[in-house]
């Protein structure tokens, strides 16, 4: 399947950057079959049609509201000082079906500025590569204090190394959850972990701690670990 990004509803339009890629990089020919998704669960199938530099689709089939993953995972993660590492996390978490990512500004977050548009484009590219028809939401950098106000403590967990908040093994987590709970949120802190004040605030809001094992994991590694754990739950 040759999958590209664009609009499907109300009409099929291939994204302009994708059109350029089709013409100048892939050098595809008129009549070749491709698929176009809007990242919202809609998919169009058809054959390429070229008119000058414009690329359109002779539609043969449209599918709407394709099923999404049953377990919706939201990871709120502090961006690393080295942006390559958080880009790696976004790519791999997307491939493993994550539903939403929030970049979290904590007391110890070293990187204060992010190119969110670039991260979103990387997520779209990873979605196409892994044949996802529902693209994850990539939220702007959000203050920890603002994020914590919106959490549902029943399905929100924090991976941390602070001794002031008890942790349960992540392997026991799914067993402890009610079968109807399919949407989980995980918070993952920066290099240096969450501050004592932030851990206390999490505890006050009923957020439970989890352990990802005996090894101390880097921020982006912890994020990939949780995404992989959730992906395995969906298998």
Protein backbone atom coordinates (compact mmCIF):
# COMPACT_ATOMS: atom_id res chain seq x y z
CA UNK A 1 0.00 0.00 0.00
CA UNK A 2 1.38 3.40 -1.04
CA UNK A 3 -0.17 5.67 1.57
CA UNK A 4 -0.23 9.47 1.43
CA UNK A 5 -1.71 12.25 3.52
CA UNK A 6 -4.48 14.62 2.48
CA UNK A 7 -8.18 15.38 2.77
CA UNK A 8 -10.80 12.70 2.18
CA UNK A 9 -14.04 14.25 3.42
CA UNK A 10 -15.86 16.15 1.86
CA UNK A 11 -13.54 15.74 -1.15
CA UNK A 12 -10.24 14.02 -1.78
CA UNK A 13 -7.24 16.35 -1.97
CA UNK A 14 -3.64 15.20 -1.75
CA UNK A 15 -1.55 17.40 0.57
CA UNK A 16 0.62 19.87 -1.41
CA UNK A 17 3.88 18.64 0.12
CA UNK A 18 2.83 15.10 -0.70
CA UNK A 19 2.16 16.14 -4.29
CA UNK A 20 5.69 17.54 -4.55
CA UNK A 21 7.08 14.33 -3.07
CA UNK A 22 5.12 12.21 -5.57
CA UNK A 23 6.37 14.25 -8.55
CA UNK A 24 9.94 15.22 -7.68
CA UNK A 25 11.14 12.47 -5.34
CA UNK A 26 9.16 9.34 -6.12
CA UNK A 27 8.70 10.27 -9.79
CA UNK A 28 5.44 8.35 -9.91
CA UNK A 29 3.43 8.04 -13.09
CA UNK A 30 -0.16 8.72 -14.04
CA UNK A 31 -2.37 5.72 -13.40
CA UNK A 32 -0.39 4.35 -10.44
CA UNK A 33 -2.61 3.25 -7.56
CA UNK A 34 -2.26 5.03 -4.22
CA UNK A 35 -4.22 5.51 -1.01
CA UNK A 36 -4.89 8.81 0.77
CA UNK A 37 -5.82 9.16 4.44
CA UNK A 38 -6.75 12.22 6.45
CA UNK A 39 -5.47 10.70 9.69
CA UNK A 40 -9.01 10.75 11.07
CA UNK A 41 -9.99 7.23 10.05
CA UNK A 42 -10.99 7.95 6.45
CA UNK A 43 -9.27 6.39 3.44
CA UNK A 44 -9.48 6.96 -0.32
CA UNK A 45 -8.19 4.62 -2.98
CA UNK A 46 -7.57 5.58 -6.60
CA UNK A 47 -5.17 6.20 -9.45
CA UNK A 48 -2.89 9.18 -9.89
CA UNK A 49 -3.80 11.87 -12.37
CA UNK A 50 -1.33 14.59 -13.35
CA UNK A 51 -2.25 18.02 -14.65
CA UNK A 52 0.89 20.13 -14.87
CA UNK A 53 2.38 20.22 -11.38
CA UNK A 54 -0.94 19.35 -9.78
CA UNK A 55 -1.61 15.79 -8.68
CA UNK A 56 -5.11 14.48 -8.09
CA UNK A 57 -6.79 11.13 -7.61
CA UNK A 58 -9.22 9.28 -9.85
CA UNK A 59 -11.18 7.75 -6.97
CA UNK A 60 -12.18 4.11 -7.05
CA UNK A 61 -13.17 3.65 -3.40
CA UNK A 62 -13.66 5.61 -0.17
CA UNK A 63 -13.85 4.07 3.29
CA UNK A 64 -15.06 6.16 6.21
CA UNK A 65 -14.67 5.75 9.97
CA UNK A 66 -12.19 2.89 9.90
CA UNK A 67 -11.63 1.35 13.36
CA UNK A 68 -8.98 2.81 15.64
CA UNK A 69 -6.91 1.02 18.28
CA UNK A 70 -9.01 -0.23 21.18
CA UNK A 71 -6.58 1.03 23.84
CA UNK A 72 -6.02 4.78 23.62
CA UNK A 73 -2.72 5.78 25.22
CA UNK A 74 -1.79 9.38 26.07
CA UNK A 75 1.80 10.05 27.14
CA UNK A 76 2.72 13.40 28.68
CA UNK A 77 6.49 13.59 28.48
CA UNK A 78 9.08 16.25 29.29
CA UNK A 79 11.16 17.09 26.19
CA UNK A 80 14.84 16.24 26.44
CA UNK A 81 17.65 18.76 26.02
CA UNK A 82 18.79 16.81 22.96
CA UNK A 83 15.80 17.20 20.64
CA UNK A 84 16.82 14.15 18.58
CA UNK A 85 15.89 11.92 21.49
CA UNK A 86 12.33 13.23 21.80
CA UNK A 87 11.94 13.05 18.02
CA UNK A 88 12.95 9.39 18.25
CA UNK A 89 10.28 8.83 20.90
CA UNK A 90 7.56 10.50 18.82
CA UNK A 91 8.41 8.36 15.80
CA UNK A 92 8.51 5.03 17.63
CA UNK A 93 5.47 5.75 19.82
CA UNK A 94 3.51 6.65 16.69
CA UNK A 95 4.48 3.38 15.05
CA UNK A 96 3.18 1.52 18.10
CA UNK A 97 -0.24 3.15 18.07
CA UNK A 98 -0.07 5.95 20.63
CA UNK A 99 -3.17 8.17 20.51
CA UNK A 100 -1.87 11.42 21.99
CA UNK A 101 1.38 13.05 23.10
CA UNK A 102 1.69 16.13 25.30
CA UNK A 103 5.07 17.80 25.70
CA UNK A 104 5.31 18.60 29.39
CA UNK A 105 7.08 21.61 30.90
CA UNK A 106 8.20 20.64 34.39
CA UNK A 107 10.45 22.37 36.92
CA UNK A 108 13.49 20.49 35.60
CA UNK A 109 12.65 20.61 31.89
CA UNK A 110 15.74 22.05 30.19
CA UNK A 111 14.26 22.61 26.73
CA UNK A 112 11.75 25.45 26.72
CA UNK A 113 11.27 25.85 22.96
CA UNK A 114 10.04 23.20 20.56
CA UNK A 115 9.24 23.02 16.88
CA UNK A 116 5.87 21.34 17.35
CA UNK A 117 5.08 21.48 13.62
CA UNK A 118 8.20 19.44 12.90
CA UNK A 119 7.20 16.83 15.47
CA UNK A 120 3.71 16.65 13.95
CA UNK A 121 5.18 16.12 10.47
CA UNK A 122 7.41 13.36 11.82
CA UNK A 123 4.38 11.75 13.41
CA UNK A 124 2.50 11.89 10.10
CA UNK A 125 5.45 10.31 8.30
CA UNK A 126 5.65 7.53 10.90
CA UNK A 127 1.88 7.01 10.65
CA UNK A 128 2.08 6.55 6.89
CA UNK A 129 5.04 4.22 7.20
CA UNK A 130 3.18 2.03 9.69
CA UNK A 131 -0.12 2.27 7.73
CA UNK A 132 -2.07 4.12 10.40
CA UNK A 133 -5.32 5.78 9.38
CA UNK A 134 -5.71 7.58 12.73
CA UNK A 135 -2.81 9.94 13.39
CA UNK A 136 -1.87 10.76 17.00
CA UNK A 137 -2.54 14.20 18.47
CA UNK A 138 0.67 16.12 19.28
CA UNK A 139 -0.09 18.86 21.80
CA UNK A 140 1.88 22.05 22.38
CA UNK A 141 4.29 22.39 25.27
CA UNK A 142 2.09 22.46 28.39
CA UNK A 143 2.92 23.53 31.92
CA UNK A 144 2.83 20.67 34.42
CA UNK A 145 0.55 22.65 36.74
CA UNK A 146 -1.98 23.17 33.94
CA UNK A 147 -1.86 19.58 32.75
CA UNK A 148 -2.45 18.09 36.19
CA UNK A 149 -5.71 20.06 36.54
CA UNK A 150 -7.27 18.11 33.68
CA UNK A 151 -6.26 14.53 34.53
CA UNK A 152 -8.62 11.75 35.48
CA UNK A 153 -6.89 10.05 38.41
CA UNK A 154 -8.70 6.76 37.72
CA UNK A 155 -6.61 6.14 34.61
CA UNK A 156 -3.57 8.39 35.05
CA UNK A 157 -0.17 7.12 36.15
CA UNK A 158 3.31 8.51 36.57
CA UNK A 159 6.60 6.73 35.91
CA UNK A 160 9.10 8.16 38.38
CA UNK A 161 12.03 7.39 40.70
CA UNK A 162 10.95 9.43 43.74
CA UNK A 163 10.75 7.54 47.05
CA UNK A 164 7.89 9.77 48.26
CA UNK A 165 5.28 8.17 45.99
CA UNK A 166 4.68 4.43 46.13
CA UNK A 167 4.97 2.58 42.83
CA UNK A 168 3.39 -0.58 41.50
CA UNK A 169 4.97 -2.76 38.83
CA UNK A 170 3.63 -1.86 35.40
CA UNK A 171 3.10 -5.58 34.71
CA UNK A 172 0.43 -5.59 37.43
CA UNK A 173 -1.27 -2.46 36.17
CA UNK A 174 -3.57 -3.91 33.55
CA UNK A 175 -4.73 -6.59 35.98
CA UNK A 176 -5.63 -3.90 38.51
CA UNK A 177 -7.67 -1.91 36.00
CA UNK A 178 -11.35 -2.43 35.32
CA UNK A 179 -11.95 -4.12 31.98
CA UNK A 180 -13.83 -1.05 30.71
CA UNK A 181 -10.82 1.25 31.20
CA UNK A 182 -9.25 1.53 27.76
CA UNK A 183 -7.86 5.06 27.87
CA UNK A 184 -4.70 5.51 29.91
CA UNK A 185 -2.49 8.53 30.54
CA UNK A 186 1.15 8.25 31.60
CA UNK A 187 3.36 11.08 32.79
CA UNK A 188 7.09 10.76 32.19
CA UNK A 189 9.43 13.29 33.72
CA UNK A 190 12.58 15.03 32.52
CA UNK A 191 16.20 14.14 33.01
CA UNK A 192 16.48 14.45 36.79
CA UNK A 193 12.88 13.30 37.32
CA UNK A 194 9.93 15.23 38.72
CA UNK A 195 10.59 17.57 41.63
CA UNK A 196 9.38 16.74 45.16
CA UNK A 197 6.75 19.48 44.78
CA UNK A 198 5.45 17.92 41.55
CA UNK A 199 5.36 14.44 43.08
CA UNK A 200 3.38 15.82 46.02
CA UNK A 201 0.92 17.47 43.65
CA UNK A 202 0.50 14.22 41.71
CA UNK A 203 -0.21 12.38 44.96
CA UNK A 204 -2.74 15.04 46.03
CA UNK A 205 -4.56 14.54 42.73
CA UNK A 206 -4.69 10.77 43.15
CA UNK A 207 -2.21 9.95 40.39
CA UNK A 208 -0.60 6.58 41.05
CA UNK A 209 3.07 5.75 40.57
CA UNK A 210 4.38 2.90 38.43
CA UNK A 211 7.73 1.21 38.12
CA UNK A 212 9.11 0.32 34.69
CA UNK A 213 11.59 -2.16 36.12
CA UNK A 214 14.83 -2.25 38.04
CA UNK A 215 16.83 -0.27 35.48
CA UNK A 216 16.80 3.53 35.43
CA UNK A 217 15.57 4.51 31.97
CA UNK A 218 16.22 7.69 30.05
CA UNK A 219 13.19 9.88 29.41
CA UNK A 220 12.67 8.86 25.78
CA UNK A 221 13.39 5.20 26.59
CA UNK A 222 10.71 5.23 29.27
CA UNK A 223 8.27 6.71 26.77
CA UNK A 224 9.03 4.04 24.17
CA UNK A 225 8.77 1.35 26.87
CA UNK A 226 5.26 2.47 27.88
CA UNK A 227 4.17 2.73 24.24
CA UNK A 228 5.45 -0.80 23.59
CA UNK A 229 3.73 -2.11 26.73
CA UNK A 230 0.42 -0.64 25.60
CA UNK A 231 0.93 -1.95 22.05
CA UNK A 232 1.45 -5.43 23.44
CA UNK A 233 -1.82 -5.08 25.36
CA UNK A 234 -3.61 -4.51 22.05
CA UNK A 235 -2.21 -7.63 20.37
